[in-house]
Every structure is written in C-alpha cells, then in structure tokens.
C-alpha atoms as a PDB file:
ATOM      1  CA  MET A   1     -27.291 -64.437 -23.047  1.00  0.00           C
ATOM      2  CA  ARG A   2     -29.220 -62.409 -20.753  1.00  0.00           C
ATOM      3  CA  PHE A   3     -27.848 -61.654 -17.186  1.00  0.00           C
ATOM      4  CA  ARG A   4     -29.665 -63.215 -14.347  1.00  0.00           C
ATOM      5  CA  PRO A   5     -28.304 -63.638 -10.637  1.00  0.00           C
ATOM      6  CA  ARG A   6     -28.900 -67.154  -9.669  1.00  0.00           C
ATOM      7  CA  ASN A   7     -29.830 -66.241  -6.033  1.00  0.00           C
ATOM      8  CA  VAL A   8     -32.519 -64.068  -4.385  1.00  0.00           C
ATOM      9  CA  ARG A   9     -30.255 -62.197  -2.634  1.00  0.00           C
ATOM     10  CA  SER A  10     -28.344 -61.381  -5.215  1.00  0.00           C
ATOM     11  CA  ARG A  11     -31.486 -60.374  -7.782  1.00  0.00           C
ATOM     12  CA  LEU A  12     -32.885 -58.270  -4.514  1.00  0.00           C
ATOM     13  CA  THR A  13     -29.574 -56.793  -3.971  1.00  0.00           C
ATOM     14  CA  LEU A  14     -29.417 -55.494  -8.353  1.00  0.00           C
ATOM     15  CA  TRP A  15     -33.300 -54.869  -8.290  1.00  0.00           C
ATOM     16  CA  TYR A  16     -32.542 -52.149  -5.268  1.00  0.00           C
ATOM     17  CA  VAL A  17     -29.293 -50.873  -6.656  1.00  0.00           C
ATOM     18  CA  LEU A  18     -31.504 -50.147 -10.279  1.00  0.00           C
ATOM     19  CA  VAL A  19     -34.060 -48.363  -8.282  1.00  0.00           C
ATOM     20  CA  LEU A  20     -31.410 -45.995  -5.944  1.00  0.00           C
ATOM     21  CA  ALA A  21     -29.792 -45.734  -9.491  1.00  0.00           C
ATOM     22  CA  SER A  22     -32.499 -44.481 -11.002  1.00  0.00           C
ATOM     23  CA  LEU A  23     -33.822 -42.484  -8.598  1.00  0.00           C
ATOM     24  CA  LEU A  24     -30.234 -40.400  -8.081  1.00  0.00           C
ATOM     25  CA  ALA A  25     -30.003 -39.884 -11.944  1.00  0.00           C
ATOM     26  CA  LEU A  26     -33.008 -38.525 -11.901  1.00  0.00           C
ATOM     27  CA  TYR A  27     -32.283 -36.189  -8.530  1.00  0.00           C
ATOM     28  CA  ASP A  28     -29.103 -35.084 -10.247  1.00  0.00           C
ATOM     29  CA  ASP A  29     -30.735 -34.147 -13.138  1.00  0.00           C
ATOM     30  CA  VAL A  30     -33.489 -32.109 -11.231  1.00  0.00           C
ATOM     31  CA  ALA A  31     -30.641 -30.624  -9.051  1.00  0.00           C
ATOM     32  CA  SER A  32     -29.170 -29.289 -12.407  1.00  0.00           C
ATOM     33  CA  LEU A  33     -32.162 -27.985 -13.854  1.00  0.00           C
ATOM     34  CA  PHE A  34     -32.442 -26.272 -10.474  1.00  0.00           C
ATOM     35  CA  LEU A  35     -28.794 -25.219 -10.139  1.00  0.00           C
ATOM     36  CA  PHE A  36     -28.939 -23.704 -14.027  1.00  0.00           C
ATOM     37  CA  LEU A  37     -32.126 -21.744 -13.484  1.00  0.00           C
ATOM     38  CA  SER A  38     -30.947 -20.534 -10.199  1.00  0.00           C
ATOM     39  CA  LEU A  39     -27.780 -19.274 -11.207  1.00  0.00           C
ATOM     40  CA  ARG A  40     -29.306 -17.960 -14.839  1.00  0.00           C
ATOM     41  CA  GLU A  41     -31.900 -16.158 -12.595  1.00  0.00           C
ATOM     42  CA  ASP A  42     -28.970 -14.797 -10.973  1.00  0.00           C
ATOM     43  CA  PHE A  43     -27.431 -13.972 -14.317  1.00  0.00           C
ATOM     44  CA  ASP A  44     -30.390 -11.890 -15.143  1.00  0.00           C
ATOM     45  CA  HIS A  45     -30.794  -9.818 -12.187  1.00  0.00           C
ATOM     46  CA  ASN A  46     -26.984  -8.842 -12.508  1.00  0.00           C
ATOM     47  CA  LEU A  47     -27.828  -8.126 -16.040  1.00  0.00           C
ATOM     48  CA  LEU A  48     -30.507  -5.823 -15.314  1.00  0.00           C
ATOM     49  CA  GLN A  49     -29.121  -3.977 -13.276  1.00  0.00           C
ATOM     50  CA  ASP A  50     -25.976  -3.546 -14.705  1.00  0.00           C
ATOM     51  CA  LEU A  51     -28.430  -2.493 -17.818  1.00  0.00           C
ATOM     52  CA  GLU A  52     -29.839   0.667 -15.921  1.00  0.00           C
ATOM     53  CA  THR A  53     -26.205   1.063 -14.674  1.00  0.00           C
ATOM     54  CA  VAL A  54     -24.703   1.709 -17.923  1.00  0.00           C
ATOM     55  CA  GLU A  55     -27.768   3.662 -18.969  1.00  0.00           C
ATOM     56  CA  GLY A  56     -26.710   6.045 -15.715  1.00  0.00           C
ATOM     57  CA  MET A  57     -23.175   6.178 -17.250  1.00  0.00           C
ATOM     58  CA  LEU A  58     -23.894   7.161 -21.347  1.00  0.00           C
ATOM     59  CA  GLU A  59     -22.704  10.804 -21.840  1.00  0.00           C
ATOM     60  CA  LYS A  60     -22.885  12.263 -25.938  1.00  0.00           C
ATOM     61  CA  GLU A  61     -19.832  13.073 -27.176  1.00  0.00           C
ATOM     62  CA  PRO A  62     -19.175  16.203 -29.568  1.00  0.00           C
ATOM     63  CA  ASN A  63     -18.330  14.204 -32.619  1.00  0.00           C
ATOM     64  CA  GLY A  64     -22.022  12.714 -32.452  1.00  0.00           C
ATOM     65  CA  ARG A  65     -20.489   9.407 -30.769  1.00  0.00           C
ATOM     66  CA  VAL A  66     -21.216   7.920 -27.071  1.00  0.00           C
ATOM     67  CA  SER A  67     -18.875   7.443 -24.271  1.00  0.00           C
ATOM     68  CA  LEU A  68     -18.944   5.570 -20.752  1.00  0.00           C
ATOM     69  CA  HIS A  69     -18.443   8.073 -17.989  1.00  0.00           C
ATOM     70  CA  ALA A  70     -18.621   6.816 -13.982  1.00  0.00           C
ATOM     71  CA  SER A  71     -18.905   8.773 -11.264  1.00  0.00           C
ATOM     72  CA  HIS A  72     -15.890   7.221  -9.676  1.00  0.00           C
ATOM     73  CA  PRO A  73     -13.188   6.582 -12.666  1.00  0.00           C
ATOM     74  CA  GLU A  74     -11.539   3.658 -10.887  1.00  0.00           C
ATOM     75  CA  ILE A  75     -14.854   1.993 -11.800  1.00  0.00           C
ATOM     76  CA  GLY A  76     -14.511   2.031 -15.710  1.00  0.00           C
ATOM     77  CA  GLU A  77     -17.089  -0.168 -17.147  1.00  0.00           C
ATOM     78  CA  PRO A  78     -19.470  -2.383 -15.040  1.00  0.00           C
ATOM     79  CA  ARG A  79     -18.220  -5.678 -14.386  1.00  0.00           C
ATOM     80  CA  ILE A  80     -15.112  -6.696 -16.305  1.00  0.00           C
ATOM     81  CA  GLY A  81     -15.674  -9.360 -19.169  1.00  0.00           C
ATOM     82  CA  HIS A  82     -19.181  -7.984 -19.805  1.00  0.00           C
ATOM     83  CA  PHE A  83     -20.262  -6.670 -23.424  1.00  0.00           C
ATOM     84  CA  ILE A  84     -21.601  -3.278 -24.087  1.00  0.00           C
ATOM     85  CA  GLU A  85     -22.806  -1.391 -27.156  1.00  0.00           C
ATOM     86  CA  VAL A  86     -24.468   1.385 -27.898  1.00  0.00           C
ATOM     87  CA  TRP A  87     -26.287   1.740 -31.479  1.00  0.00           C
ATOM     88  CA  SER A  88     -28.765   4.585 -33.285  1.00  0.00           C
ATOM     89  CA  PRO A  89     -31.402   3.717 -34.375  1.00  0.00           C
ATOM     90  CA  GLU A  90     -30.692   4.137 -38.069  1.00  0.00           C
ATOM     91  CA  GLY A  91     -27.740   0.953 -37.349  1.00  0.00           C
ATOM     92  CA  SER A  92     -24.760   3.247 -36.642  1.00  0.00           C
ATOM     93  CA  LEU A  93     -22.586   2.012 -33.884  1.00  0.00           C
ATOM     94  CA  LEU A  94     -21.515   4.746 -31.598  1.00  0.00           C
ATOM     95  CA  TYR A  95     -20.059   2.487 -28.710  1.00  0.00           C
ATOM     96  CA  ARG A  96     -18.629  -0.970 -28.171  1.00  0.00           C
ATOM     97  CA  SER A  97     -16.602  -2.399 -25.190  1.00  0.00           C
ATOM     98  CA  THR A  98     -13.220  -3.423 -25.204  1.00  0.00           C
ATOM     99  CA  ALA A  99     -13.810  -6.672 -24.368  1.00  0.00           C
ATOM    100  CA  LEU A 100     -15.846  -7.439 -27.396  1.00  0.00           C
ATOM    101  CA  GLN A 101     -12.240  -7.277 -29.541  1.00  0.00           C
ATOM    102  CA  GLY A 102     -14.341  -6.098 -32.440  1.00  0.00           C
ATOM    103  CA  GLN A 103     -17.087  -8.735 -32.479  1.00  0.00           C
ATOM    104  CA  THR A 104     -20.617  -7.542 -32.231  1.00  0.00           C
ATOM    105  CA  LEU A 105     -23.702  -8.351 -30.303  1.00  0.00           C
ATOM    106  CA  ALA A 106     -26.242  -9.695 -33.002  1.00  0.00           C
ATOM    107  CA  GLY A 107     -25.519  -6.848 -35.248  1.00  0.00           C
ATOM    108  CA  PRO A 108     -27.484  -3.218 -35.726  1.00  0.00           C
ATOM    109  CA  PRO A 109     -30.587  -3.123 -33.882  1.00  0.00           C
ATOM    110  CA  SER A 110     -33.648  -4.055 -35.811  1.00  0.00           C
ATOM    111  CA  PRO A 111     -36.921  -0.693 -35.479  1.00  0.00           C
ATOM    112  CA  GLU A 112     -38.659  -3.108 -32.438  1.00  0.00           C
ATOM    113  CA  GLU A 113     -35.514  -3.945 -30.297  1.00  0.00           C
ATOM    114  CA  GLY A 114     -35.610  -2.430 -26.796  1.00  0.00           C
ATOM    115  CA  LEU A 115     -38.775  -0.888 -26.954  1.00  0.00           C
ATOM    116  CA  GLN A 116     -40.302  -3.643 -24.957  1.00  0.00           C
ATOM    117  CA  ASP A 117     -39.224  -3.984 -21.542  1.00  0.00           C
ATOM    118  CA  PRO A 118     -35.828  -5.227 -21.208  1.00  0.00           C
ATOM    119  CA  THR A 119     -36.165  -9.180 -21.265  1.00  0.00           C
ATOM    120  CA  PRO A 120     -32.853 -11.224 -21.219  1.00  0.00           C
ATOM    121  CA  ALA A 121     -31.959 -13.622 -24.282  1.00  0.00           C
ATOM    122  CA  THR A 122     -29.027 -16.572 -24.619  1.00  0.00           C
ATOM    123  CA  THR A 123     -27.288 -15.265 -28.114  1.00  0.00           C
ATOM    124  CA  LEU A 124     -24.241 -16.417 -29.457  1.00  0.00           C
ATOM    125  CA  LEU A 125     -21.149 -14.124 -30.825  1.00  0.00           C
ATOM    126  CA  PRO A 126     -19.341 -14.866 -34.420  1.00  0.00           C
ATOM    127  CA  ASN A 127     -16.826 -16.197 -31.910  1.00  0.00           C
ATOM    128  CA  GLY A 128     -19.119 -18.897 -30.988  1.00  0.00           C
ATOM    129  CA  THR A 129     -18.976 -17.344 -27.356  1.00  0.00           C
ATOM    130  CA  ARG A 130     -22.234 -17.762 -25.488  1.00  0.00           C
ATOM    131  CA  VAL A 131     -23.565 -14.646 -23.829  1.00  0.00           C
ATOM    132  CA  ARG A 132     -26.825 -13.681 -22.070  1.00  0.00           C
ATOM    133  CA  GLN A 133     -28.057 -10.233 -23.306  1.00  0.00           C
ATOM    134  CA  ALA A 134     -30.439  -7.275 -22.702  1.00  0.00           C
ATOM    135  CA  SER A 135     -31.441  -4.055 -24.609  1.00  0.00           C
ATOM    136  CA  SER A 136     -32.943  -0.825 -23.550  1.00  0.00           C
ATOM    137  CA  VAL A 137     -33.824   2.261 -25.539  1.00  0.00           C
ATOM    138  CA  TYR A 138     -32.134   4.728 -23.949  1.00  0.00           C
ATOM    139  CA  HIS A 139     -32.761   9.225 -24.559  1.00  0.00           C
ATOM    140  CA  LEU A 140     -29.477  10.756 -24.208  1.00  0.00           C
ATOM    141  CA  GLU A 141     -30.372  14.481 -24.693  1.00  0.00           C
ATOM    142  CA  ASP A 142     -31.751  14.609 -28.014  1.00  0.00           C
ATOM    143  CA  LEU A 143     -29.760  11.328 -29.142  1.00  0.00           C
ATOM    144  CA  ARG A 144     -32.311   8.326 -28.997  1.00  0.00           C
ATOM    145  CA  VAL A 145     -30.111   5.033 -28.928  1.00  0.00           C
ATOM    146  CA  VAL A 146     -30.588   1.307 -27.945  1.00  0.00           C
ATOM    147  CA  LEU A 147     -28.219  -0.137 -25.183  1.00  0.00           C
ATOM    148  CA  LYS A 148     -27.154  -3.208 -25.425  1.00  0.00           C
ATOM    149  CA  VAL A 149     -25.293  -5.067 -22.558  1.00  0.00           C
ATOM    150  CA  ALA A 150     -24.235  -8.781 -22.149  1.00  0.00           C
ATOM    151  CA  TYR A 151     -22.610 -11.462 -19.994  1.00  0.00           C
ATOM    152  CA  SER A 152     -20.995 -14.223 -20.965  1.00  0.00           C
ATOM    153  CA  GLU A 153     -22.304 -17.116 -19.664  1.00  0.00           C
ATOM    154  CA  GLU A 154     -19.005 -19.579 -19.361  1.00  0.00           C
ATOM    155  CA  ARG A 155     -18.741 -18.818 -15.731  1.00  0.00           C
ATOM    156  CA  LEU A 156     -22.438 -20.280 -15.805  1.00  0.00           C
ATOM    157  CA  TRP A 157     -21.669 -23.133 -17.554  1.00  0.00           C
ATOM    158  CA  ARG A 158     -18.451 -23.833 -15.827  1.00  0.00           C
ATOM    159  CA  GLN A 159     -20.119 -23.536 -12.085  1.00  0.00           C
ATOM    160  CA  LEU A 160     -23.189 -25.816 -13.721  1.00  0.00           C
ATOM    161  CA  GLY A 161     -20.017 -28.215 -15.055  1.00  0.00           C
ATOM    162  CA  GLU A 162     -18.369 -28.159 -11.747  1.00  0.00           C
ATOM    163  CA  PHE A 163     -21.677 -29.171  -9.716  1.00  0.00           C
ATOM    164  CA  GLY A 164     -22.164 -31.632 -12.581  1.00  0.00           C
ATOM    165  CA  GLU A 165     -18.530 -33.641 -12.005  1.00  0.00           C
ATOM    166  CA  VAL A 166     -19.231 -33.794  -8.234  1.00  0.00           C
ATOM    167  CA  LEU A 167     -22.476 -35.215  -8.748  1.00  0.00           C
ATOM    168  CA  LEU A 168     -20.921 -37.873 -11.330  1.00  0.00           C
ATOM    169  CA  LEU A 169     -18.346 -38.594  -9.165  1.00  0.00           C
ATOM    170  CA  GLY A 170     -20.444 -39.414  -6.326  1.00  0.00           C
ATOM    171  CA  PHE A 171     -22.846 -41.262  -7.935  1.00  0.00           C
ATOM    172  CA  PRO A 172     -20.937 -44.536  -8.848  1.00  0.00           C
ATOM    173  CA  ILE A 173     -19.786 -44.399  -4.715  1.00  0.00           C
ATOM    174  CA  THR A 174     -23.259 -43.835  -3.705  1.00  0.00           C
ATOM    175  CA  VAL A 175     -24.557 -46.745  -5.593  1.00  0.00           C
ATOM    176  CA  LEU A 176     -21.474 -49.067  -4.962  1.00  0.00           C
ATOM    177  CA  LEU A 177     -22.196 -48.083  -1.089  1.00  0.00           C
ATOM    178  CA  ALA A 178     -25.425 -49.247  -1.272  1.00  0.00           C
ATOM    179  CA  SER A 179     -25.406 -52.179  -3.180  1.00  0.00           C
ATOM    180  CA  PHE A 180     -22.479 -53.402  -0.167  1.00  0.00           C
ATOM    181  CA  GLY A 181     -25.037 -52.044   2.105  1.00  0.00           C
ATOM    182  CA  SER A 182     -28.357 -53.934   1.041  1.00  0.00           C
ATOM    183  CA  TYR A 183     -26.643 -57.250   0.340  1.00  0.00           C
ATOM    184  CA  ALA A 184     -25.937 -58.328   4.307  1.00  0.00           C
ATOM    185  CA  PRO A 185     -29.779 -56.977   5.567  1.00  0.00           C
ATOM    186  CA  THR A 186     -31.009 -58.745   2.246  1.00  0.00           C
ATOM    187  CA  ARG A 187     -28.732 -61.973   3.576  1.00  0.00           C
ATOM    188  CA  LYS A 188     -29.924 -61.434   7.044  1.00  0.00           C
ATOM    189  CA  ALA A 189     -33.503 -61.354   6.021  1.00  0.00           C
ATOM    190  CA  LEU A 190     -33.295 -64.294   3.681  1.00  0.00           C
ATOM    191  CA  SER A 191     -31.251 -66.625   6.369  1.00  0.00           C
ATOM    192  CA  PRO A 192     -34.500 -67.826   7.630  1.00  0.00           C
ATOM    193  CA  ILE A 193     -35.327 -69.711   4.191  1.00  0.00           C
ATOM    194  CA  ASP A 194     -31.713 -70.991   4.270  1.00  0.00           C
ATOM    195  CA  SER A 195     -32.483 -72.910   7.546  1.00  0.00           C
ATOM    196  CA  MET A 196     -35.819 -74.268   6.573  1.00  0.00           C
ATOM    197  CA  ALA A 197     -34.083 -75.878   3.481  1.00  0.00           C
ATOM    198  CA  THR A 198     -31.301 -77.089   5.462  1.00  0.00           C
ATOM    199  CA  GLN A 199     -33.974 -78.961   7.794  1.00  0.00           C
ATOM    200  CA  ALA A 200     -36.394 -79.596   5.231  1.00  0.00           C
ATOM    201  CA  THR A 201     -33.457 -81.864   3.653  1.00  0.00           C
ATOM    202  CA  LYS A 202     -33.050 -83.835   6.699  1.00  0.00           C
ATOM    203  CA  ILE A 203     -36.551 -84.834   6.789  1.00  0.00           C
ATOM    204  CA  SER A 204     -37.316 -88.306   5.799  1.00  0.00           C
ATOM    205  CA  ALA A 205     -40.233 -91.177   6.132  1.00  0.00           C
ATOM    206  CA  GLU A 206     -38.528 -92.384   9.089  1.00  0.00           C
ATOM    207  CA  ARG A 207     -37.859 -88.606  10.902  1.00  0.00           C
ATOM    208  CA  LEU A 208     -41.539 -87.055   9.936  1.00  0.00           C
ATOM    209  CA  GLY A 209     -41.981 -86.211  13.406  1.00  0.00           C
ATOM    210  CA  ASP A 210     -39.326 -83.195  12.861  1.00  0.00           C
ATOM    211  CA  ARG A 211     -40.531 -79.878  12.311  1.00  0.00           C
ATOM    212  CA  LEU A 212     -39.456 -77.195  10.801  1.00  0.00           C
ATOM    213  CA  SER A 213     -37.890 -74.413  13.545  1.00  0.00           C
ATOM    214  CA  ILE A 214     -39.726 -70.607  12.985  1.00  0.00           C
ATOM    215  CA  GLU A 215     -37.992 -68.023  14.114  1.00  0.00           C
ATOM    216  CA  ASN A 216     -41.203 -65.259  13.512  1.00  0.00           C
ATOM    217  CA  PRO A 217     -44.425 -66.680  12.373  1.00  0.00           C
ATOM    218  CA  ASP A 218     -46.218 -63.784  11.750  1.00  0.00           C
ATOM    219  CA  ASP A 219     -44.212 -62.665   9.038  1.00  0.00           C
ATOM    220  CA  GLU A 220     -44.291 -63.874   5.530  1.00  0.00           C
ATOM    221  CA  LEU A 221     -41.249 -66.396   6.290  1.00  0.00           C
ATOM    222  CA  GLY A 222     -42.877 -67.675   9.266  1.00  0.00           C
ATOM    223  CA  LYS A 223     -46.041 -68.079   7.593  1.00  0.00           C
ATOM    224  CA  LEU A 224     -44.453 -70.096   5.154  1.00  0.00           C
ATOM    225  CA  GLY A 225     -42.727 -72.431   7.816  1.00  0.00           C
ATOM    226  CA  THR A 226     -46.275 -72.930   9.523  1.00  0.00           C
ATOM    227  CA  VAL A 227     -47.652 -74.173   6.135  1.00  0.00           C
ATOM    228  CA  PHE A 228     -44.980 -76.451   5.371  1.00  0.00           C
ATOM    229  CA  ASN A 229     -45.429 -77.771   9.288  1.00  0.00           C
ATOM    230  CA  ASP A 230     -48.924 -78.113   8.675  1.00  0.00           C
ATOM    231  CA  MET A 231     -48.303 -79.917   5.552  1.00  0.00           C
ATOM    232  CA  LEU A 232     -45.597 -82.626   7.119  1.00  0.00           C
ATOM    233  CA  GLY A 233     -48.420 -83.171   9.633  1.00  0.00           C
ATOM    234  CA  ARG A 234     -50.872 -84.130   7.020  1.00  0.00           C
ATOM    235  CA  LEU A 235     -47.888 -86.245   5.773  1.00  0.00           C
ATOM    236  CA  GLN A 236     -47.567 -87.850   9.163  1.00  0.00           C
ATOM    237  CA  ALA A 237     -50.997 -88.752   9.963  1.00  0.00           C
ATOM    238  CA  ALA A 238     -51.210 -90.588   6.173  1.00  0.00           C
ATOM    239  CA  PHE A 239     -48.131 -92.754   6.862  1.00  0.00           C
ATOM    240  CA  ASP A 240     -49.369 -93.518   9.973  1.00  0.00           C
ATOM    241  CA  GLN A 241     -52.606 -94.150   8.315  1.00  0.00           C
ATOM    242  CA  LEU A 242     -50.623 -96.425   5.828  1.00  0.00           C
ATOM    243  CA  ARG A 243     -48.604 -98.374   8.172  1.00  0.00           C
ATOM    244  CA  ARG A 244     -51.542 -99.344  10.073  1.00  0.00           C
ATOM    245  CA  PHE A 245     -53.424-100.626   6.980  1.00  0.00           C
ATOM    246  CA  THR A 246     -50.370-102.832   6.082  1.00  0.00           C
ATOM    247  CA  SER A 247     -50.058-103.961   9.298  1.00  0.00           C
ATOM    248  CA  ASP A 248     -53.925-104.997   9.747  1.00  0.00           C
ATOM    249  CA  SER A 249     -54.151-106.588   5.839  1.00  0.00           C
ATOM    250  CA  SER A 250     -50.381-108.844   7.001  1.00  0.00           C
ATOM    251  CA  HIS A 251     -52.337-109.448   9.826  1.00  0.00           C
ATOM    252  CA  GLU A 252     -55.950-110.479   8.468  1.00  0.00           C
ATOM    253  CA  LEU A 253     -54.385-112.637   5.585  1.00  0.00           C
ATOM    254  CA  CYS A 254     -52.197-114.530   7.969  1.00  0.00           C
ATOM    255  CA  THR A 255     -54.758-116.673   9.408  1.00  0.00           C
ATOM    256  CA  PRO A 256     -56.248-118.144   6.313  1.00  0.00           C
ATOM    257  CA  LEU A 257     -53.502-118.697   4.849  1.00  0.00           C
ATOM    258  CA  THR A 258     -51.806-120.542   7.504  1.00  0.00           C
ATOM    259  CA  ALA A 259     -54.906-122.441   7.681  1.00  0.00           C
ATOM    260  CA  ILE A 260     -54.461-123.309   3.413  1.00  0.00           C
ATOM    261  CA  ARG A 261     -51.003-124.459   3.949  1.00  0.00           C
ATOM    262  CA  SER A 262     -52.000-126.331   7.145  1.00  0.00           C
ATOM    263  CA  VAL A 263     -54.917-127.928   5.406  1.00  0.00           C
ATOM    264  CA  GLY A 264     -52.721-128.751   1.924  1.00  0.00           C
ATOM    265  CA  GLU A 265     -49.720-130.141   4.149  1.00  0.00           C
ATOM    266  CA  VAL A 266     -52.037-132.731   5.871  1.00  0.00           C
ATOM    267  CA  ALA A 267     -53.393-133.907   3.040  1.00  0.00           C
ATOM    268  CA  LEU A 268     -50.095-134.607   1.256  1.00  0.00           C
ATOM    269  CA  GLN A 269     -49.333-136.764   4.346  1.00  0.00           C
ATOM    270  CA  ASP A 270     -51.610-139.997   3.595  1.00  0.00           C
ATOM    271  CA  GLN A 271     -52.739-141.105   0.490  1.00  0.00           C
ATOM    272  CA  ARG A 272     -56.219-140.565   0.648  1.00  0.00           C
ATOM    273  CA  SER A 273     -59.556-141.547  -1.803  1.00  0.00           C
ATOM    274  CA  PRO A 274     -60.665-138.407  -3.986  1.00  0.00           C
ATOM    275  CA  ALA A 275     -63.648-137.983  -1.930  1.00  0.00           C
ATOM    276  CA  GLU A 276     -61.311-137.009   0.799  1.00  0.00           C
ATOM    277  CA  TYR A 277     -59.398-134.691  -1.521  1.00  0.00           C
ATOM    278  CA  ARG A 278     -62.559-132.867  -2.537  1.00  0.00           C
ATOM    279  CA  ASP A 279     -62.988-132.052   0.682  1.00  0.00           C
ATOM    280  CA  VAL A 280     -59.786-130.650   1.860  1.00  0.00           C
ATOM    281  CA  ILE A 281     -60.027-128.492  -1.457  1.00  0.00           C
ATOM    282  CA  GLY A 282     -62.864-127.766  -0.427  1.00  0.00           C
ATOM    283  CA  SER A 283     -61.827-126.307   2.554  1.00  0.00           C
ATOM    284  CA  MET A 284     -59.079-124.448   1.396  1.00  0.00           C
ATOM    285  CA  LEU A 285     -61.171-122.704  -1.146  1.00  0.00           C
ATOM    286  CA  GLU A 286     -63.204-121.520   2.013  1.00  0.00           C
ATOM    287  CA  GLU A 287     -60.192-120.111   3.287  1.00  0.00           C
ATOM    288  CA  VAL A 288     -59.685-118.551  -0.080  1.00  0.00           C
ATOM    289  CA  ASP A 289     -62.881-117.075  -0.103  1.00  0.00           C
ATOM    290  CA  ARG A 290     -62.386-115.752   3.651  1.00  0.00           C
END
C-alpha cells in the first residue's frame, strides 16, 4: 500500500522535506568531492616537493648502492610515513626506506618510467595500502637512477571519512528540523481554507445571504473565496426567483380553484335540471381553462 498523507498540510510538508533532503544529499556529494580533490591536490603538491627534496639528498655509496644524506642529520627521511625507493634502469633496487617494511612500490621501473614530468598516480602496495606515487629520473654522478616517492593516502581518506561523518550526523538533524519548521508555516498558510470550509458548512437554503470571510482577496485562496461568494450570490438569486414563482403560482391558482369549488358546492345544494347542471359544468370548465 502506497503511503499518502491524508491532508494537504502533511503532503506539502513531506514534499518540501523530500526536496530539501535531495538538495542536501547533492550538496553533501559535491562538498565531499570538492574536499577530496582539494586534499589530493595538496597531497600531490607535497609529494612533488618531497620528490625534489629527496633528489637533493641522494648520494652514491662505494658499493654502488644509494643512500640519503640530509643537510641536517635530525631531519632524516622527509615526512615520516612516506615511502622512498631508488632503482637502477636495469631493475636493481639501490635504496628502500624502512617505512616500506619489505613492500615494493609496483616493482622495478619500466623503461619509460620517470622520463616524463612526474605525475602523481594512485597505486596499491602488496599489503593493500593505498598510496599516491610519483617517479622521476635522476643522474647521480655517472649513475642514472629512477626515484620513486609515495605517500600513504590513509590520512586523506581519514579526513574525508571524518567530514562524511559530520555530514551524515547533520543530515537527519537538518531534515528533522526542516520538517518541524515547515509544518507550522504550511498550516498557517492553509488555515484560511479551514476557516472557509467551516463557514461553508453553516450555509443552508435559509442562510443563503451568508458569505465567506476573506482575509486577502488578492492571493489564490482569496480569489477562491471570492468565486465561491459569487456562486452563493447567484444561488441566492435563483432561490429568490423560485420563491417568487411559487408564491405567484399559488396565488394565481387559488382564484380559479376557489371558483370551481364554490360553483360545485352551490350546485349541490339544490336539486337541478340537467340543463342547469350543464351550465354549472360549463362554468367549472371555463375556470379549468383559466
């Protein structure tokens, strides 16, 4: 069975709430998308900055491997939790940050990797961690290396989730307050209809002179009341005409009927000849024709 509120107030309130809920849901989606793009843009900016920072920290070791050396020893690897790998073009791993803990950033580089301007891209580590990664080619003395730097997207999705929780918490509260807030104005706006309906139930054939009270004749409800009052005026005129016709008809019928009755009563008082009865019947037929 389809749910349908019985009165107009409830239907208008429900329609308003549904429209508001749809607009709020659309706003939440757009706001979440905007926040996601903004956070990821900030992520990508920091990622590219760190890529340049790591390039300046690379140093070649005597054993052919690569290490990171910061100008300030207390700095260490840039931004704790970020992942760094250095590969040779032949696919040999020259350096891997301790944060990776044996994981690899999509394996050895392809021949074309890092040749273009670094462009961040999302990838997954073998353990399922989602990271944002950028690669570049860097020449370290006579050694050409491929540098990979990645950020874990956990913070991005955590912030997006917290924002979504706030929106989800505020959504039902907003819709509930809107439903209560819209019911009262709707009820006030439709109250003239209740008033006119109550007055209309009191109008009968004996009270056709009564009219509906109209608060604002210029709005839709006022125009409806005006049309109804005009209809009552035409109905009253028709009833008055019917009463006059009934009164005139009864008056016009009264005279010949009285004459017929009188002639008949007089004729029955005495014994009369057939000719006299014929005259009486003739007089009664004349009154019938009248």
